[in-house]
């Protein structure tokens, strides 16, 4: 359920950000600003995915063995999952904080 909620939110944000960018850009700057937004989005995805994957692997999250399937939990690496999900939750909180600047001027 959490994954579905996250994917739904990403779909809303990406289109809304593009529309807002084009609305706030002067007509002669729309192309440059749109390209900058796409590069920023792609670069952030690559950097955060690489850092999260490296942290996950370094903490043993990628280790697969027969012990991982045992009920004893010997193959469980909760620190690896925390190393991925906690920083990403921080990124989400910073994003939510930054959006406070986008209040409508008509209020």
N, C-alpha and C. Protein backbone atom coordinates (compact mmCIF):
# COMPACT_ATOMS: atom_id res chain seq x y z
N UNK A 1 0.82 -1.20 0.00
CA UNK A 1 0.00 0.00 0.00
C UNK A 1 0.87 1.27 0.00
N UNK A 2 1.96 1.21 0.77
CA UNK A 2 2.85 2.37 0.84
C UNK A 2 3.50 2.66 -0.51
N UNK A 3 3.85 1.59 -1.25
CA UNK A 3 4.45 1.79 -2.57
C UNK A 3 3.46 2.44 -3.52
N UNK A 4 2.22 2.00 -3.47
CA UNK A 4 1.19 2.59 -4.34
C UNK A 4 1.00 4.08 -4.01
N UNK A 5 0.98 4.40 -2.74
CA UNK A 5 0.84 5.79 -2.30
C UNK A 5 2.02 6.63 -2.79
N UNK A 6 3.23 6.08 -2.67
CA UNK A 6 4.43 6.79 -3.13
C UNK A 6 4.43 7.01 -4.62
N UNK A 7 4.05 5.99 -5.38
CA UNK A 7 4.01 6.12 -6.84
C UNK A 7 2.95 7.13 -7.28
N UNK A 8 1.81 7.12 -6.61
CA UNK A 8 0.76 8.08 -6.91
C UNK A 8 1.27 9.50 -6.66
N UNK A 9 1.95 9.71 -5.55
CA UNK A 9 2.50 11.03 -5.23
C UNK A 9 3.55 11.48 -6.24
N UNK A 10 4.40 10.55 -6.69
CA UNK A 10 5.41 10.91 -7.68
C UNK A 10 4.75 11.33 -8.99
N UNK A 11 3.70 10.63 -9.38
CA UNK A 11 2.99 11.00 -10.60
C UNK A 11 2.37 12.37 -10.52
N UNK A 12 1.85 12.72 -9.36
CA UNK A 12 1.27 14.05 -9.17
C UNK A 12 2.33 15.14 -9.19
N UNK A 13 3.45 14.88 -8.54
CA UNK A 13 4.49 15.90 -8.40
C UNK A 13 5.17 16.20 -9.73
N UNK A 14 5.47 15.19 -10.50
CA UNK A 14 6.23 15.42 -11.73
C UNK A 14 5.43 16.29 -12.71
N UNK A 15 4.17 15.97 -12.92
CA UNK A 15 3.40 16.79 -13.86
C UNK A 15 3.13 18.17 -13.28
N UNK A 16 2.86 18.26 -11.99
CA UNK A 16 2.59 19.56 -11.36
C UNK A 16 3.81 20.47 -11.39
N UNK A 17 4.98 19.89 -11.18
CA UNK A 17 6.20 20.68 -11.21
C UNK A 17 6.45 21.24 -12.61
N UNK A 18 6.22 20.44 -13.63
CA UNK A 18 6.42 20.91 -15.00
C UNK A 18 5.45 22.03 -15.35
N UNK A 19 4.19 21.87 -14.97
CA UNK A 19 3.19 22.90 -15.25
C UNK A 19 3.54 24.19 -14.51
N UNK A 20 3.92 24.07 -13.24
CA UNK A 20 4.27 25.25 -12.45
C UNK A 20 5.50 25.94 -13.03
N UNK A 21 6.48 25.15 -13.46
CA UNK A 21 7.68 25.73 -14.05
C UNK A 21 7.34 26.53 -15.30
N UNK A 22 6.51 25.97 -16.16
CA UNK A 22 6.14 26.69 -17.39
C UNK A 22 5.28 27.91 -17.10
N UNK A 23 4.46 27.82 -16.06
CA UNK A 23 3.62 28.96 -15.68
C UNK A 23 4.47 30.12 -15.15
N UNK A 24 5.52 29.82 -14.42
CA UNK A 24 6.35 30.85 -13.81
C UNK A 24 7.48 31.34 -14.72
N UNK A 25 7.70 30.67 -15.83
CA UNK A 25 8.78 31.05 -16.75
C UNK A 25 8.29 32.05 -17.79
N UNK A 26 9.17 32.95 -18.15
CA UNK A 26 8.90 33.83 -19.28
C UNK A 26 8.89 32.97 -20.55
N UNK A 27 8.12 33.33 -21.56
CA UNK A 27 8.03 32.50 -22.77
C UNK A 27 9.39 32.19 -23.41
N UNK A 28 10.29 33.15 -23.40
CA UNK A 28 11.59 32.92 -24.03
C UNK A 28 12.52 32.05 -23.18
N UNK A 29 12.17 31.81 -21.90
CA UNK A 29 12.99 30.99 -21.02
C UNK A 29 12.39 29.61 -20.77
N UNK A 30 11.21 29.33 -21.31
CA UNK A 30 10.51 28.08 -21.03
C UNK A 30 11.32 26.84 -21.44
N UNK A 31 11.93 26.88 -22.60
CA UNK A 31 12.71 25.73 -23.06
C UNK A 31 13.93 25.46 -22.20
N UNK A 32 14.66 26.51 -21.87
CA UNK A 32 15.84 26.37 -21.02
C UNK A 32 15.46 25.87 -19.64
N UNK A 33 14.41 26.43 -19.07
CA UNK A 33 13.98 26.02 -17.74
C UNK A 33 13.47 24.59 -17.73
N UNK A 34 12.75 24.19 -18.77
CA UNK A 34 12.24 22.83 -18.86
C UNK A 34 13.39 21.83 -18.95
N UNK A 35 14.39 22.15 -19.76
CA UNK A 35 15.57 21.28 -19.88
C UNK A 35 16.31 21.19 -18.55
N UNK A 36 16.43 22.31 -17.86
CA UNK A 36 17.10 22.32 -16.56
C UNK A 36 16.36 21.45 -15.55
N UNK A 37 15.04 21.51 -15.57
CA UNK A 37 14.23 20.69 -14.67
C UNK A 37 14.44 19.21 -14.96
N UNK A 38 14.45 18.83 -16.23
CA UNK A 38 14.64 17.42 -16.58
C UNK A 38 16.03 16.92 -16.20
N UNK A 39 17.05 17.74 -16.41
CA UNK A 39 18.41 17.35 -16.03
C UNK A 39 18.53 17.24 -14.52
N UNK A 40 17.95 18.17 -13.80
CA UNK A 40 17.99 18.13 -12.34
C UNK A 40 17.28 16.89 -11.81
N UNK A 41 16.14 16.56 -12.38
CA UNK A 41 15.39 15.39 -11.96
C UNK A 41 16.19 14.11 -12.23
N UNK A 42 16.75 14.00 -13.41
CA UNK A 42 17.53 12.81 -13.76
C UNK A 42 18.78 12.68 -12.90
N UNK A 43 19.48 13.79 -12.68
CA UNK A 43 20.70 13.76 -11.88
C UNK A 43 20.40 13.38 -10.43
N UNK A 44 19.34 13.93 -9.88
CA UNK A 44 18.97 13.59 -8.51
C UNK A 44 18.61 12.11 -8.41
N UNK A 45 17.88 11.58 -9.40
CA UNK A 45 17.55 10.16 -9.39
C UNK A 45 18.80 9.29 -9.42
N UNK A 46 19.74 9.62 -10.28
CA UNK A 46 20.96 8.83 -10.41
C UNK A 46 21.79 8.88 -9.12
N UNK A 47 21.98 10.07 -8.59
CA UNK A 47 22.83 10.21 -7.39
C UNK A 47 22.18 9.52 -6.19
N UNK A 48 20.89 9.74 -5.96
CA UNK A 48 20.25 9.12 -4.81
C UNK A 48 20.14 7.61 -4.96
N UNK A 49 19.89 7.11 -6.16
CA UNK A 49 19.84 5.68 -6.38
C UNK A 49 21.20 5.04 -6.16
N UNK A 50 22.25 5.67 -6.67
CA UNK A 50 23.60 5.14 -6.49
C UNK A 50 24.00 5.14 -5.02
N UNK A 51 23.74 6.23 -4.32
CA UNK A 51 24.10 6.31 -2.90
C UNK A 51 23.29 5.32 -2.07
N UNK A 52 22.00 5.23 -2.35
CA UNK A 52 21.16 4.28 -1.62
C UNK A 52 21.55 2.84 -1.90
N UNK A 53 21.84 2.52 -3.15
CA UNK A 53 22.27 1.17 -3.50
C UNK A 53 23.60 0.81 -2.88
N UNK A 54 24.54 1.74 -2.86
CA UNK A 54 25.84 1.48 -2.24
C UNK A 54 25.70 1.27 -0.74
N UNK A 55 24.88 2.08 -0.08
CA UNK A 55 24.66 1.92 1.36
C UNK A 55 23.98 0.59 1.65
N UNK A 56 23.00 0.23 0.83
CA UNK A 56 22.28 -1.03 1.01
C UNK A 56 23.23 -2.22 0.87
N UNK A 57 24.06 -2.20 -0.16
CA UNK A 57 25.00 -3.30 -0.38
C UNK A 57 26.08 -3.35 0.71
N UNK A 58 26.56 -2.17 1.13
CA UNK A 58 27.61 -2.13 2.15
C UNK A 58 27.12 -2.68 3.49
N UNK A 59 25.84 -2.56 3.76
CA UNK A 59 25.29 -3.06 5.03
C UNK A 59 24.74 -4.47 4.91
N UNK A 60 25.04 -5.14 3.81
CA UNK A 60 24.66 -6.54 3.66
C UNK A 60 23.27 -6.79 3.14
N UNK A 61 22.61 -5.78 2.65
CA UNK A 61 21.25 -5.96 2.16
C UNK A 61 21.16 -6.75 0.88
N UNK A 62 22.23 -6.81 0.13
CA UNK A 62 22.21 -7.55 -1.13
C UNK A 62 22.68 -8.98 -1.00
N UNK A 63 23.07 -9.40 0.21
CA UNK A 63 23.56 -10.76 0.41
C UNK A 63 22.41 -11.74 0.35
N UNK A 64 22.55 -12.73 -0.51
CA UNK A 64 21.53 -13.77 -0.64
C UNK A 64 22.18 -15.10 -0.26
N UNK A 65 21.55 -15.78 0.67
CA UNK A 65 22.04 -17.09 1.07
C UNK A 65 20.86 -17.94 1.52
N UNK A 66 21.14 -19.19 1.77
CA UNK A 66 20.07 -20.07 2.26
C UNK A 66 19.64 -19.66 3.66
N UNK A 67 20.52 -19.03 4.40
CA UNK A 67 20.18 -18.60 5.75
C UNK A 67 19.10 -17.52 5.72
N UNK A 68 19.02 -16.79 4.62
CA UNK A 68 18.03 -15.72 4.51
C UNK A 68 16.62 -16.27 4.46
N UNK A 69 16.48 -17.50 4.03
CA UNK A 69 15.14 -18.09 3.92
C UNK A 69 14.72 -18.81 5.18
N UNK A 70 15.60 -18.95 6.14
CA UNK A 70 15.26 -19.63 7.38
C UNK A 70 14.38 -18.75 8.25
N UNK A 71 13.59 -19.36 9.06
CA UNK A 71 12.69 -18.63 9.95
C UNK A 71 13.44 -17.93 11.08
N UNK A 72 14.70 -18.29 11.28
CA UNK A 72 15.46 -17.69 12.37
C UNK A 72 15.78 -16.23 12.13
N UNK A 73 15.73 -15.79 10.90
CA UNK A 73 16.02 -14.39 10.59
C UNK A 73 17.50 -14.09 10.51
N UNK A 74 18.31 -15.13 10.39
CA UNK A 74 19.76 -14.94 10.35
C UNK A 74 20.21 -14.12 9.14
N UNK A 75 19.43 -14.14 8.05
CA UNK A 75 19.81 -13.41 6.86
C UNK A 75 19.21 -12.02 6.78
N UNK A 76 18.53 -11.60 7.82
CA UNK A 76 17.86 -10.30 7.81
C UNK A 76 18.86 -9.19 8.09
N UNK A 77 18.74 -8.09 7.35
CA UNK A 77 19.63 -6.95 7.52
C UNK A 77 18.79 -5.67 7.61
N UNK A 78 18.16 -5.43 8.75
CA UNK A 78 17.30 -4.25 8.85
C UNK A 78 18.06 -2.93 8.72
N UNK A 79 19.33 -2.91 9.09
CA UNK A 79 20.11 -1.68 8.97
C UNK A 79 20.26 -1.27 7.50
N UNK A 80 20.32 -2.26 6.61
CA UNK A 80 20.44 -1.96 5.18
C UNK A 80 19.18 -1.26 4.68
N UNK A 81 18.03 -1.72 5.13
CA UNK A 81 16.78 -1.08 4.71
C UNK A 81 16.63 0.30 5.35
N UNK A 82 17.05 0.43 6.60
CA UNK A 82 16.99 1.74 7.27
C UNK A 82 17.92 2.74 6.57
N UNK A 83 19.07 2.25 6.08
CA UNK A 83 20.02 3.13 5.40
C UNK A 83 19.46 3.67 4.09
N UNK A 84 18.46 3.01 3.54
CA UNK A 84 17.84 3.47 2.30
C UNK A 84 16.60 4.31 2.60
N UNK A 85 15.72 3.80 3.45
CA UNK A 85 14.43 4.44 3.65
C UNK A 85 14.51 5.70 4.52
N UNK A 86 15.36 5.75 5.51
CA UNK A 86 15.45 6.95 6.36
C UNK A 86 15.97 8.18 5.60
N UNK A 87 17.06 8.07 4.83
CA UNK A 87 17.47 9.25 4.05
C UNK A 87 16.44 9.67 3.01
N UNK A 88 15.76 8.71 2.40
CA UNK A 88 14.74 9.07 1.42
C UNK A 88 13.54 9.75 2.08
N UNK A 89 13.23 9.34 3.30
CA UNK A 89 12.18 10.04 4.06
C UNK A 89 12.63 11.48 4.34
N UNK A 90 13.92 11.66 4.62
CA UNK A 90 14.46 13.01 4.82
C UNK A 90 14.34 13.85 3.56
N UNK A 91 14.62 13.25 2.40
CA UNK A 91 14.48 13.96 1.13
C UNK A 91 13.02 14.38 0.93
N UNK A 92 12.09 13.49 1.26
CA UNK A 92 10.66 13.81 1.12
C UNK A 92 10.27 14.97 2.04
N UNK A 93 10.78 14.97 3.26
CA UNK A 93 10.47 16.06 4.19
C UNK A 93 11.04 17.39 3.72
N UNK A 94 12.25 17.37 3.19
CA UNK A 94 12.84 18.60 2.65
C UNK A 94 12.01 19.10 1.47
N UNK A 95 11.58 18.19 0.61
CA UNK A 95 10.74 18.57 -0.52
C UNK A 95 9.43 19.19 -0.07
N UNK A 96 8.82 18.61 0.95
CA UNK A 96 7.57 19.17 1.47
C UNK A 96 7.82 20.55 2.08
N UNK A 97 8.95 20.72 2.74
CA UNK A 97 9.27 22.01 3.36
C UNK A 97 9.49 23.08 2.29
N UNK A 98 10.18 22.71 1.21
CA UNK A 98 10.48 23.67 0.14
C UNK A 98 9.19 24.14 -0.54
N UNK A 99 8.20 23.28 -0.65
CA UNK A 99 6.97 23.66 -1.34
C UNK A 99 6.17 24.73 -0.60
N UNK A 100 6.52 25.01 0.62
CA UNK A 100 5.82 26.08 1.36
C UNK A 100 6.00 27.43 0.67
N UNK A 101 7.05 27.58 -0.12
CA UNK A 101 7.29 28.85 -0.82
C UNK A 101 6.31 29.07 -1.96
N UNK A 102 5.62 28.05 -2.37
CA UNK A 102 4.76 28.13 -3.57
C UNK A 102 3.33 28.47 -3.24
N UNK A 103 3.09 29.19 -2.22
CA UNK A 103 1.73 29.59 -1.85
C UNK A 103 1.18 30.55 -2.89
N UNK A 104 -0.10 30.46 -3.11
CA UNK A 104 -0.77 31.33 -4.08
C UNK A 104 -0.77 32.76 -3.59
N UNK A 105 -0.53 33.70 -4.50
CA UNK A 105 -0.52 35.11 -4.13
C UNK A 105 -1.93 35.70 -4.02
N UNK A 106 -2.95 34.94 -4.43
CA UNK A 106 -4.31 35.46 -4.40
C UNK A 106 -4.95 35.40 -3.01
N UNK A 107 -4.26 34.80 -2.04
CA UNK A 107 -4.82 34.71 -0.69
C UNK A 107 -4.71 35.99 0.06
